[in-house]
Protein backbone atom coordinates (compact mmCIF):
# COMPACT_ATOMS: atom_id res chain seq x y z
CA MET A 1 -44.89 -42.96 -3.76
CA LYS A 2 -44.61 -46.49 -5.12
CA ILE A 3 -40.87 -46.61 -4.44
CA SER A 4 -41.28 -45.57 -0.82
CA GLY A 5 -43.93 -48.24 -0.29
CA LEU A 6 -41.70 -50.86 -1.88
CA CYS A 7 -38.74 -49.80 0.30
CA LEU A 8 -40.84 -49.95 3.45
CA LEU A 9 -42.21 -53.37 2.45
CA ILE A 10 -38.72 -54.76 1.80
CA GLY A 11 -37.51 -53.36 5.13
CA VAL A 12 -40.38 -55.03 7.00
CA LEU A 13 -39.80 -58.35 5.23
CA VAL A 14 -36.09 -58.31 6.10
CA LEU A 15 -36.91 -57.47 9.72
CA LEU A 16 -39.40 -60.35 9.84
CA PHE A 17 -36.72 -62.71 8.52
CA VAL A 18 -34.31 -61.45 11.18
CA ALA A 19 -36.93 -61.91 13.90
CA PHE A 20 -37.69 -65.47 12.79
CA SER A 21 -33.97 -66.23 12.63
CA LYS A 22 -33.39 -64.80 16.08
CA PHE A 23 -36.01 -67.01 17.68
CA GLY A 24 -34.82 -70.17 15.92
CA LEU A 25 -37.44 -70.66 13.24
CA VAL A 26 -34.82 -70.35 10.47
CA PRO A 27 -31.82 -72.59 11.19
CA SER A 28 -28.12 -71.67 11.29
CA VAL A 29 -27.91 -67.92 10.77
CA GLY A 30 -25.00 -66.24 12.54
CA ALA A 31 -25.24 -63.27 14.86
CA ASN A 32 -23.12 -61.11 12.54
CA THR A 33 -25.44 -61.90 9.63
CA LEU A 34 -28.48 -60.98 11.71
CA SER A 35 -26.98 -57.65 12.76
CA MET A 36 -26.01 -56.78 9.18
CA MET A 37 -29.48 -57.70 7.93
CA THR A 38 -31.01 -55.50 10.63
CA LEU A 39 -28.84 -52.58 9.53
CA LEU A 40 -29.82 -53.24 5.92
CA ALA A 41 -33.53 -53.25 6.80
CA VAL A 42 -33.22 -49.98 8.70
CA ALA A 43 -31.31 -48.36 5.82
CA ILE A 44 -33.90 -49.47 3.26
CA SER A 45 -36.75 -48.24 5.48
CA CYS A 46 -35.02 -44.87 5.94
CA LEU A 47 -34.64 -44.52 2.17
CA GLY A 48 -38.35 -45.20 1.74
CA ALA A 49 -39.28 -42.66 4.40
CA LEU A 50 -36.94 -40.05 2.90
CA GLU A 51 -38.43 -40.55 -0.57
CA LEU A 52 -41.91 -40.20 0.89
CA LYS A 53 -40.91 -36.97 2.66
CA ILE A 54 -39.47 -35.54 -0.57
CA HIS A 55 -42.76 -36.21 -2.39
CA ARG A 56 -44.73 -34.60 0.42
CA ARG A 57 -42.53 -31.48 0.23
CA ASN A 58 -43.04 -31.26 -3.54
CA ARG A 59 -46.80 -31.58 -3.14
CA SER A 60 -46.90 -28.74 -0.61
CA ALA A 61 -44.86 -26.52 -2.95
CA GLN A 62 -47.25 -27.30 -5.81
CA ARG A 63 -50.20 -26.55 -3.55
CA ARG A 64 -48.74 -23.14 -2.63
CA THR A 65 -48.22 -22.30 -6.30
CA ALA A 66 -51.77 -23.37 -7.13
CA ASN A 67 -53.14 -21.26 -4.27
CA THR A 68 -51.18 -18.23 -5.49
CA LEU A 69 -52.51 -18.64 -9.03
CA ALA A 70 -56.06 -19.16 -7.78
CA SER A 71 -55.81 -16.02 -5.67
CA ALA A 72 -54.53 -14.07 -8.66
CA LEU A 73 -57.44 -15.33 -10.76
CA ARG A 74 -59.95 -14.37 -8.07
CA ASN A 75 -58.45 -10.88 -7.77
CA GLY A 76 -58.57 -10.32 -11.52
CA ALA A 77 -54.82 -10.06 -11.99
CA LEU A 78 -54.85 -12.65 -14.76
CA ARG A 79 -57.47 -11.72 -17.33
CA SER A 80 -57.57 -13.22 -20.79
């Protein structure tokens, strides 16, 4: 979860730099550099979103397992 947040933060910061460069607040940055930085920001943001989705999938699998075990305990299948 921390990695996905960090990736999304880095992506937003790079996009902010590109936006400021595009509108002339940061001097002398070429168009090719801006386009490559935009692609980099999108790639980093996608990695963060993918990592977040993987964690969400793992949590739902753990929740299903916990529900199955809780159901088994309620039904008396697991007695000690």
